[in-house]
Amino acid sequence: MFPYSGNEQHIMAVPYAHKNLSIELSDDELVELHRVYAFMKDFYGEENYFSCTRETMAHRSVEHLHMHFIPGKLQGAYLMKMLEHQGFPIKEESL
């Protein structure tokens, strides 16, 4: 895990072994992923945050699985622009 996009509290986690899809994770890797999510809950505490799993496909980059953990709510120009740039479809009614 490491800070991402210049925000020290926006963290991206990537499995040690190269995986394209979350369905490729072994039982042991799923247990470890659960520990990552528990760590992130402790890291952010009671602060609002959201997470998302990305399965990068469609030749955007090297196909790979990764997770984003981002502080705050899905609002504001910075988050929306960053997520749109990453390929997330953002709809006003979902905010």
N, C-alpha and C. Protein backbone atom coordinates (compact mmCIF):
# COMPACT_ATOMS: atom_id res chain seq x y z
N MET A 1 0.85 -1.17 0.00
CA MET A 1 0.00 0.00 0.00
C MET A 1 0.90 1.23 0.00
N PHE A 2 0.47 2.28 -0.66
CA PHE A 2 1.23 3.51 -0.66
C PHE A 2 0.33 4.68 -0.99
N PRO A 3 0.72 5.90 -0.55
CA PRO A 3 -0.10 7.08 -0.89
C PRO A 3 -0.21 7.23 -2.40
N TYR A 4 -1.33 7.76 -2.85
CA TYR A 4 -1.64 7.83 -4.27
C TYR A 4 -2.18 9.21 -4.60
N SER A 5 -1.87 9.70 -5.74
CA SER A 5 -2.38 10.97 -6.25
C SER A 5 -2.01 12.17 -5.39
N GLY A 6 -0.87 12.11 -4.70
CA GLY A 6 -0.43 13.25 -3.93
C GLY A 6 -1.20 13.49 -2.65
N ASN A 7 -2.11 12.62 -2.29
CA ASN A 7 -2.88 12.75 -1.06
C ASN A 7 -2.38 11.66 -0.12
N GLU A 8 -1.80 12.06 1.00
CA GLU A 8 -1.19 11.08 1.91
C GLU A 8 -2.20 10.12 2.52
N GLN A 9 -3.49 10.44 2.44
CA GLN A 9 -4.49 9.54 2.99
C GLN A 9 -5.27 8.80 1.90
N HIS A 10 -4.91 8.98 0.65
CA HIS A 10 -5.50 8.19 -0.45
C HIS A 10 -4.52 7.06 -0.71
N ILE A 11 -4.95 5.86 -0.42
CA ILE A 11 -4.05 4.71 -0.47
C ILE A 11 -4.54 3.72 -1.51
N MET A 12 -3.60 3.19 -2.28
CA MET A 12 -3.90 2.16 -3.25
C MET A 12 -3.20 0.88 -2.79
N ALA A 13 -3.92 -0.23 -2.78
CA ALA A 13 -3.36 -1.53 -2.40
C ALA A 13 -3.37 -2.45 -3.62
N VAL A 14 -2.28 -3.18 -3.79
CA VAL A 14 -2.12 -4.08 -4.92
C VAL A 14 -1.65 -5.44 -4.38
N PRO A 15 -2.23 -6.54 -4.83
CA PRO A 15 -1.75 -7.86 -4.39
C PRO A 15 -0.28 -8.07 -4.76
N TYR A 16 0.44 -8.81 -3.93
CA TYR A 16 1.84 -9.13 -4.24
C TYR A 16 1.95 -9.89 -5.57
N ALA A 17 1.09 -10.89 -5.73
CA ALA A 17 1.09 -11.66 -6.97
C ALA A 17 0.24 -10.92 -8.00
N HIS A 18 0.69 -10.92 -9.23
CA HIS A 18 -0.05 -10.23 -10.28
C HIS A 18 -1.37 -10.93 -10.53
N LYS A 19 -2.45 -10.18 -10.40
CA LYS A 19 -3.80 -10.69 -10.66
C LYS A 19 -4.51 -9.69 -11.55
N ASN A 20 -5.34 -10.18 -12.46
CA ASN A 20 -6.16 -9.30 -13.29
C ASN A 20 -7.53 -9.06 -12.67
N LEU A 21 -8.09 -10.11 -12.07
CA LEU A 21 -9.46 -10.05 -11.56
C LEU A 21 -9.51 -10.53 -10.12
N SER A 22 -10.44 -10.00 -9.36
CA SER A 22 -10.56 -10.41 -7.96
C SER A 22 -10.94 -11.88 -7.83
N ILE A 23 -11.61 -12.43 -8.83
CA ILE A 23 -11.99 -13.84 -8.78
C ILE A 23 -10.77 -14.77 -8.83
N GLU A 24 -9.62 -14.23 -9.25
CA GLU A 24 -8.39 -15.01 -9.31
C GLU A 24 -7.69 -15.13 -7.96
N LEU A 25 -8.16 -14.40 -6.95
CA LEU A 25 -7.53 -14.46 -5.63
C LEU A 25 -7.77 -15.81 -4.97
N SER A 26 -6.72 -16.34 -4.34
CA SER A 26 -6.84 -17.61 -3.61
C SER A 26 -7.55 -17.36 -2.28
N ASP A 27 -7.92 -18.43 -1.60
CA ASP A 27 -8.55 -18.29 -0.29
C ASP A 27 -7.63 -17.53 0.67
N ASP A 28 -6.34 -17.85 0.67
CA ASP A 28 -5.38 -17.15 1.54
C ASP A 28 -5.29 -15.67 1.18
N GLU A 29 -5.31 -15.36 -0.11
CA GLU A 29 -5.24 -13.95 -0.54
C GLU A 29 -6.51 -13.20 -0.15
N LEU A 30 -7.66 -13.88 -0.18
CA LEU A 30 -8.91 -13.25 0.26
C LEU A 30 -8.88 -12.94 1.75
N VAL A 31 -8.30 -13.84 2.54
CA VAL A 31 -8.15 -13.60 3.98
C VAL A 31 -7.23 -12.39 4.19
N GLU A 32 -6.14 -12.32 3.44
CA GLU A 32 -5.24 -11.18 3.56
C GLU A 32 -5.93 -9.89 3.14
N LEU A 33 -6.75 -9.94 2.09
CA LEU A 33 -7.49 -8.76 1.65
C LEU A 33 -8.44 -8.29 2.75
N HIS A 34 -9.07 -9.24 3.43
CA HIS A 34 -9.93 -8.89 4.56
C HIS A 34 -9.13 -8.13 5.61
N ARG A 35 -7.91 -8.55 5.87
CA ARG A 35 -7.03 -7.85 6.84
C ARG A 35 -6.70 -6.44 6.36
N VAL A 36 -6.51 -6.28 5.07
CA VAL A 36 -6.25 -4.93 4.52
C VAL A 36 -7.45 -4.03 4.78
N TYR A 37 -8.66 -4.52 4.51
CA TYR A 37 -9.86 -3.72 4.74
C TYR A 37 -10.01 -3.39 6.23
N ALA A 38 -9.72 -4.33 7.12
CA ALA A 38 -9.78 -4.08 8.56
C ALA A 38 -8.75 -3.03 8.96
N PHE A 39 -7.54 -3.11 8.39
CA PHE A 39 -6.50 -2.11 8.67
C PHE A 39 -6.96 -0.73 8.23
N MET A 40 -7.57 -0.65 7.05
CA MET A 40 -8.00 0.65 6.53
C MET A 40 -9.09 1.24 7.42
N LYS A 41 -9.99 0.42 7.92
CA LYS A 41 -11.03 0.91 8.83
C LYS A 41 -10.39 1.50 10.07
N ASP A 42 -9.37 0.84 10.62
CA ASP A 42 -8.64 1.37 11.78
C ASP A 42 -7.86 2.63 11.40
N PHE A 43 -7.25 2.64 10.23
CA PHE A 43 -6.44 3.78 9.77
C PHE A 43 -7.29 5.04 9.68
N TYR A 44 -8.46 4.94 9.05
CA TYR A 44 -9.32 6.10 8.89
C TYR A 44 -10.16 6.38 10.13
N GLY A 45 -10.28 5.42 11.04
CA GLY A 45 -11.07 5.62 12.24
C GLY A 45 -12.51 5.91 11.90
N GLU A 46 -13.07 6.89 12.58
CA GLU A 46 -14.47 7.23 12.36
C GLU A 46 -14.67 8.17 11.17
N GLU A 47 -13.56 8.60 10.55
CA GLU A 47 -13.66 9.51 9.40
C GLU A 47 -14.37 8.82 8.25
N ASN A 48 -15.13 9.58 7.52
CA ASN A 48 -15.76 9.02 6.32
C ASN A 48 -14.71 8.70 5.29
N TYR A 49 -14.83 7.57 4.66
CA TYR A 49 -13.96 7.21 3.55
C TYR A 49 -14.74 6.24 2.67
N PHE A 50 -14.25 6.06 1.49
CA PHE A 50 -14.84 5.04 0.63
C PHE A 50 -13.73 4.25 -0.03
N SER A 51 -14.07 3.08 -0.48
CA SER A 51 -13.10 2.21 -1.13
C SER A 51 -13.73 1.67 -2.40
N CYS A 52 -12.87 1.28 -3.30
CA CYS A 52 -13.35 0.66 -4.53
C CYS A 52 -12.29 -0.31 -5.02
N THR A 53 -12.75 -1.36 -5.64
CA THR A 53 -11.86 -2.35 -6.24
C THR A 53 -11.83 -2.09 -7.74
N ARG A 54 -10.63 -1.99 -8.27
CA ARG A 54 -10.47 -1.77 -9.71
C ARG A 54 -9.87 -3.01 -10.34
N GLU A 55 -10.49 -3.46 -11.38
CA GLU A 55 -9.96 -4.53 -12.20
C GLU A 55 -9.66 -3.87 -13.55
N THR A 56 -8.44 -3.37 -13.68
CA THR A 56 -8.07 -2.57 -14.85
C THR A 56 -8.04 -3.44 -16.09
N MET A 57 -8.94 -3.13 -16.98
CA MET A 57 -9.05 -3.88 -18.22
C MET A 57 -9.11 -2.89 -19.37
N ALA A 58 -9.44 -3.35 -20.53
CA ALA A 58 -9.64 -2.52 -21.73
C ALA A 58 -8.38 -1.75 -22.12
N HIS A 59 -7.25 -2.34 -21.83
CA HIS A 59 -5.96 -1.79 -22.27
C HIS A 59 -5.70 -0.38 -21.78
N ARG A 60 -6.24 0.01 -20.61
CA ARG A 60 -5.94 1.32 -20.05
C ARG A 60 -4.49 1.36 -19.57
N SER A 61 -4.01 0.25 -19.08
CA SER A 61 -2.63 0.11 -18.61
C SER A 61 -2.38 -1.39 -18.58
N VAL A 62 -1.38 -1.82 -17.86
CA VAL A 62 -1.18 -3.25 -17.66
C VAL A 62 -2.37 -3.74 -16.86
N GLU A 63 -3.02 -4.77 -17.35
CA GLU A 63 -4.20 -5.27 -16.65
C GLU A 63 -3.79 -5.76 -15.27
N HIS A 64 -4.49 -5.27 -14.24
CA HIS A 64 -4.15 -5.63 -12.88
C HIS A 64 -5.29 -5.30 -11.93
N LEU A 65 -5.28 -5.96 -10.80
CA LEU A 65 -6.25 -5.75 -9.73
C LEU A 65 -5.65 -4.79 -8.71
N HIS A 66 -6.44 -3.83 -8.26
CA HIS A 66 -6.00 -2.96 -7.17
C HIS A 66 -7.21 -2.36 -6.47
N MET A 67 -6.99 -1.88 -5.26
CA MET A 67 -8.04 -1.28 -4.46
C MET A 67 -7.63 0.14 -4.08
N HIS A 68 -8.61 1.05 -4.09
CA HIS A 68 -8.40 2.42 -3.64
C HIS A 68 -9.13 2.62 -2.32
N PHE A 69 -8.49 3.33 -1.41
CA PHE A 69 -9.10 3.74 -0.15
C PHE A 69 -8.91 5.25 -0.08
N ILE A 70 -10.02 5.99 -0.07
CA ILE A 70 -9.96 7.43 -0.24
C ILE A 70 -10.74 8.11 0.88
N PRO A 71 -10.09 9.08 1.58
CA PRO A 71 -10.80 9.77 2.67
C PRO A 71 -11.89 10.68 2.14
N GLY A 72 -12.89 10.90 2.97
CA GLY A 72 -13.96 11.83 2.62
C GLY A 72 -15.11 11.15 1.92
N LYS A 73 -16.06 11.96 1.51
CA LYS A 73 -17.21 11.47 0.77
C LYS A 73 -16.96 11.70 -0.71
N LEU A 74 -17.73 11.02 -1.53
CA LEU A 74 -17.63 11.21 -2.97
C LEU A 74 -18.30 12.53 -3.32
N GLN A 75 -17.53 13.58 -3.15
CA GLN A 75 -18.03 14.91 -3.47
C GLN A 75 -16.84 15.81 -3.73
N GLY A 76 -17.07 16.91 -4.31
CA GLY A 76 -16.01 17.86 -4.57
C GLY A 76 -15.34 17.62 -5.91
N ALA A 77 -14.85 18.68 -6.46
CA ALA A 77 -14.25 18.64 -7.80
C ALA A 77 -13.02 17.74 -7.85
N TYR A 78 -12.17 17.76 -6.81
CA TYR A 78 -10.94 16.96 -6.84
C TYR A 78 -11.26 15.48 -6.98
N LEU A 79 -12.13 14.97 -6.09
CA LEU A 79 -12.44 13.54 -6.13
C LEU A 79 -13.14 13.16 -7.42
N MET A 80 -14.11 13.96 -7.84
CA MET A 80 -14.83 13.62 -9.06
C MET A 80 -13.90 13.63 -10.26
N LYS A 81 -13.03 14.63 -10.36
CA LYS A 81 -12.11 14.70 -11.49
C LYS A 81 -11.15 13.52 -11.46
N MET A 82 -10.61 13.19 -10.28
CA MET A 82 -9.67 12.08 -10.16
C MET A 82 -10.34 10.77 -10.56
N LEU A 83 -11.56 10.53 -10.08
CA LEU A 83 -12.25 9.29 -10.40
C LEU A 83 -12.64 9.23 -11.87
N GLU A 84 -13.09 10.34 -12.42
CA GLU A 84 -13.40 10.36 -13.86
C GLU A 84 -12.16 10.06 -14.68
N HIS A 85 -11.02 10.63 -14.27
CA HIS A 85 -9.75 10.39 -14.97
C HIS A 85 -9.36 8.91 -14.89
N GLN A 86 -9.72 8.26 -13.78
CA GLN A 86 -9.40 6.85 -13.58
C GLN A 86 -10.40 5.94 -14.31
N GLY A 87 -11.42 6.53 -14.94
CA GLY A 87 -12.35 5.72 -15.71
C GLY A 87 -13.65 5.39 -15.01
N PHE A 88 -13.89 5.96 -13.81
CA PHE A 88 -15.15 5.71 -13.11
C PHE A 88 -16.24 6.59 -13.71
N PRO A 89 -17.38 6.03 -14.07
CA PRO A 89 -18.49 6.86 -14.54
C PRO A 89 -19.14 7.56 -13.34
N ILE A 90 -19.13 8.87 -13.33
CA ILE A 90 -19.71 9.65 -12.24
C ILE A 90 -21.01 10.27 -12.74
N LYS A 91 -22.10 10.02 -12.01
CA LYS A 91 -23.40 10.57 -12.37
C LYS A 91 -23.85 11.48 -11.24
N GLU A 92 -24.34 12.65 -11.58
CA GLU A 92 -24.75 13.63 -10.58
C GLU A 92 -25.76 13.03 -9.58
N GLU A 93 -26.71 12.21 -10.05
CA GLU A 93 -27.71 11.68 -9.15
C GLU A 93 -27.14 10.70 -8.14
N SER A 94 -25.91 10.21 -8.32
CA SER A 94 -25.29 9.28 -7.38
C SER A 94 -24.56 10.02 -6.28
N LEU A 95 -24.45 11.35 -6.36
CA LEU A 95 -23.72 12.12 -5.36
C LEU A 95 -24.58 12.50 -4.19
